[in-house]
Amino acid sequence: LVSGPTALSAPPGVERVHVETAEEMYRAVLAKLEPAGVIIKAAAVADYRPKRRADRKIKKDHAVPEVALERTPDILAELGKRKGKRILVGFAAETDDLLENAAKKLQRKNLDLVVANDVQEAGAGFDVDTNVVTILDAAGGVEKLPLLPKREVADRILDRVTTLLRKSA
């Protein structure tokens, strides 16, 4: 389990690799790639970071600084390039055109499954214990799940992964 800062504990028996930045996550995920048969990439990593980092406090008595941004590494896209026979699951947190954007991500990043959720929908998103998702697969399947506890959503995703594993065996 490669994870950024969280108050949650790793499940029993699971090695947790702690990271702070998108760059650290990129390196840690690629370092653990070789033995993996299934990769579930659920992290909401920032797409951009400041180009320059201040080494000390920026005082208010100066003009408001402009912050130039640069892209962070696209971990999921890199995994899609190196996928091989692995099963790769990604997530698409969207605010507009949910299914269209999720389907594009599924194709563009060479995923087997993408779990799409409209983070503006009631009961969905990051600050609640429930979610409303639609699972799209590489064969064109679309399964919309009702409002469920996140644990149940995880079980449904793992059921889909198990089915894919059986098909590939």
Protein backbone atom coordinates (compact mmCIF):
# COMPACT_ATOMS: atom_id res chain seq x y z
CA LEU A 1 0.00 0.00 0.00
CA VAL A 2 1.59 3.24 -1.16
CA SER A 3 -0.15 6.03 0.72
CA GLY A 4 0.08 9.72 1.40
CA PRO A 5 -0.68 11.20 4.81
CA THR A 6 -3.73 9.64 6.44
CA ALA A 7 -5.13 8.92 9.88
CA LEU A 8 -6.13 5.43 8.71
CA SER A 9 -4.04 2.39 9.59
CA ALA A 10 -2.90 -0.08 6.98
CA PRO A 11 -4.87 -3.34 7.01
CA PRO A 12 -3.26 -6.16 9.02
CA GLY A 13 -0.44 -7.85 7.13
CA VAL A 14 -0.13 -5.04 4.56
CA GLU A 15 3.16 -3.20 4.09
CA ARG A 16 2.55 0.55 3.92
CA VAL A 17 4.94 2.85 2.09
CA HIS A 18 4.42 6.42 3.33
CA VAL A 19 4.88 9.26 0.83
CA GLU A 20 4.35 13.01 1.02
CA THR A 21 4.51 14.23 -2.57
CA ALA A 22 3.30 13.14 -5.99
CA GLU A 23 6.93 12.62 -7.04
CA GLU A 24 7.54 10.34 -4.03
CA MET A 25 4.38 8.40 -4.84
CA TYR A 26 5.47 8.01 -8.47
CA ARG A 27 8.84 6.58 -7.44
CA ALA A 28 7.37 4.32 -4.74
CA VAL A 29 4.65 2.88 -7.01
CA LEU A 30 7.12 2.13 -9.79
CA ALA A 31 9.51 0.54 -7.28
CA LYS A 32 6.73 -1.87 -6.21
CA LEU A 33 5.41 -2.56 -9.72
CA GLU A 34 7.32 -5.70 -10.69
CA PRO A 35 5.64 -8.31 -8.43
CA ALA A 36 2.16 -6.76 -8.70
CA GLY A 37 -0.58 -8.67 -10.51
CA VAL A 38 -3.32 -6.15 -9.74
CA ILE A 39 -2.93 -2.42 -9.22
CA ILE A 40 -5.75 -0.32 -7.81
CA LYS A 41 -4.78 3.33 -8.11
CA ALA A 42 -7.25 5.16 -5.91
CA ALA A 43 -5.12 8.15 -4.88
CA ALA A 44 -6.31 11.62 -5.76
CA VAL A 45 -2.87 12.98 -6.58
CA ALA A 46 -2.67 16.67 -7.47
CA ASP A 47 -2.21 17.25 -11.21
CA TYR A 48 -0.03 20.32 -10.60
CA ARG A 49 2.52 21.56 -8.07
CA PRO A 50 4.28 24.89 -7.61
CA LYS A 51 7.24 25.21 -9.97
CA ARG A 52 9.33 26.79 -7.23
CA ARG A 53 9.12 26.18 -3.52
CA ALA A 54 9.82 28.98 -1.05
CA ASP A 55 12.48 28.09 1.47
CA ARG A 56 11.08 30.52 4.03
CA LYS A 57 7.85 32.26 4.95
CA ILE A 58 6.46 34.71 2.39
CA LYS A 59 5.58 37.84 4.36
CA LYS A 60 2.34 39.74 3.83
CA ASP A 61 4.14 43.06 3.50
CA HIS A 62 5.34 42.06 0.03
CA ALA A 63 3.26 42.02 -3.12
CA VAL A 64 1.01 38.99 -3.58
CA PRO A 65 3.22 36.40 -5.25
CA GLU A 66 2.32 34.70 -8.49
CA VAL A 67 2.57 30.95 -8.32
CA ALA A 68 3.78 29.25 -11.47
CA LEU A 69 2.67 25.62 -11.73
CA GLU A 70 4.07 22.52 -13.38
CA ARG A 71 2.53 19.11 -13.98
CA THR A 72 3.13 16.31 -11.54
CA PRO A 73 4.04 12.88 -12.93
CA ASP A 74 1.00 11.01 -14.28
CA ILE A 75 1.38 7.82 -12.26
CA LEU A 76 -1.64 6.06 -13.74
CA ALA A 77 -0.58 6.81 -17.33
CA GLU A 78 2.89 5.45 -16.62
CA LEU A 79 1.40 2.30 -15.11
CA GLY A 80 -0.78 1.92 -18.21
CA LYS A 81 2.35 2.02 -20.39
CA ARG A 82 4.06 -0.63 -18.24
CA LYS A 83 0.94 -2.69 -17.54
CA GLY A 84 1.81 -5.93 -19.28
CA LYS A 85 -0.65 -8.62 -18.12
CA ARG A 86 -1.47 -6.84 -14.87
CA ILE A 87 -4.99 -5.72 -14.06
CA LEU A 88 -5.09 -1.94 -13.69
CA VAL A 89 -7.93 -0.09 -11.98
CA GLY A 90 -8.16 3.70 -11.90
CA PHE A 91 -10.57 6.22 -10.46
CA ALA A 92 -12.13 9.28 -12.08
CA ALA A 93 -13.41 11.93 -9.69
CA GLU A 94 -15.34 14.28 -11.95
CA THR A 95 -17.52 17.36 -11.75
CA ASP A 96 -18.67 17.41 -15.40
CA ASP A 97 -19.47 14.85 -18.12
CA LEU A 98 -18.87 11.91 -15.76
CA LEU A 99 -19.20 8.96 -18.14
CA GLU A 100 -17.58 10.68 -21.12
CA ASN A 101 -14.51 11.75 -19.10
CA ALA A 102 -14.24 8.38 -17.36
CA ALA A 103 -14.42 6.51 -20.69
CA LYS A 104 -11.65 8.72 -22.10
CA LYS A 105 -9.49 8.01 -19.04
CA LEU A 106 -10.13 4.26 -19.35
CA GLN A 107 -8.83 4.31 -22.96
CA ARG A 108 -6.07 6.89 -22.62
CA LYS A 109 -4.47 5.24 -19.59
CA ASN A 110 -4.90 1.61 -20.71
CA LEU A 111 -7.12 0.61 -17.77
CA ASP A 112 -9.14 -2.54 -17.25
CA LEU A 113 -11.63 -0.75 -15.00
CA VAL A 114 -12.30 2.86 -14.12
CA VAL A 115 -14.45 3.79 -11.13
CA ALA A 116 -16.17 7.08 -11.88
CA ASN A 117 -17.80 9.30 -9.33
CA ASP A 118 -19.37 12.73 -9.57
CA VAL A 119 -17.89 14.36 -6.50
CA GLN A 120 -20.71 16.93 -6.45
CA GLU A 121 -23.41 14.27 -6.01
CA ALA A 122 -24.96 14.03 -2.54
CA GLY A 123 -23.38 11.22 -0.54
CA ALA A 124 -20.38 10.94 -2.87
CA GLY A 125 -16.84 12.21 -2.81
CA PHE A 126 -14.10 12.54 -0.25
CA ASP A 127 -15.62 13.73 3.03
CA VAL A 128 -18.32 11.08 3.49
CA ASP A 129 -18.41 7.35 4.26
CA THR A 130 -20.62 6.60 1.24
CA ASN A 131 -20.21 6.89 -2.50
CA VAL A 132 -22.17 6.70 -5.74
CA VAL A 133 -20.03 5.27 -8.53
CA THR A 134 -20.23 3.90 -12.03
CA ILE A 135 -17.75 1.20 -13.02
CA LEU A 136 -16.68 1.16 -16.67
CA ASP A 137 -14.66 -1.70 -18.13
CA ALA A 138 -12.39 -2.04 -21.16
CA ALA A 139 -14.96 -4.28 -22.91
CA GLY A 140 -17.50 -1.42 -22.90
CA GLY A 141 -19.48 -2.49 -19.84
CA VAL A 142 -21.03 0.15 -17.59
CA GLU A 143 -22.39 -0.64 -14.11
CA LYS A 144 -23.97 2.15 -12.08
CA LEU A 145 -24.03 1.41 -8.37
CA PRO A 146 -26.52 3.03 -5.97
CA LEU A 147 -25.49 5.02 -2.90
CA LEU A 148 -23.44 2.55 -0.85
CA PRO A 149 -21.01 2.57 2.06
CA LYS A 150 -17.47 2.89 0.70
CA ARG A 151 -16.62 -0.56 2.08
CA GLU A 152 -19.39 -2.04 -0.10
CA VAL A 153 -18.13 -0.07 -3.11
CA ALA A 154 -14.66 -1.54 -2.49
CA ASP A 155 -16.14 -5.05 -2.32
CA ARG A 156 -17.92 -4.53 -5.65
CA ILE A 157 -14.70 -3.30 -7.29
CA LEU A 158 -12.81 -6.31 -5.93
CA ASP A 159 -15.55 -8.62 -7.25
CA ARG A 160 -14.95 -7.15 -10.72
CA VAL A 161 -11.17 -7.59 -10.33
CA THR A 162 -11.70 -11.23 -9.28
CA THR A 163 -13.79 -11.83 -12.41
CA LEU A 164 -11.03 -10.35 -14.57
CA LEU A 165 -8.43 -12.53 -12.84
CA ARG A 166 -10.49 -15.65 -13.52
CA LYS A 167 -10.86 -14.73 -17.19
CA SER A 168 -7.13 -14.21 -17.59
CA ALA A 169 -6.17 -17.48 -15.84
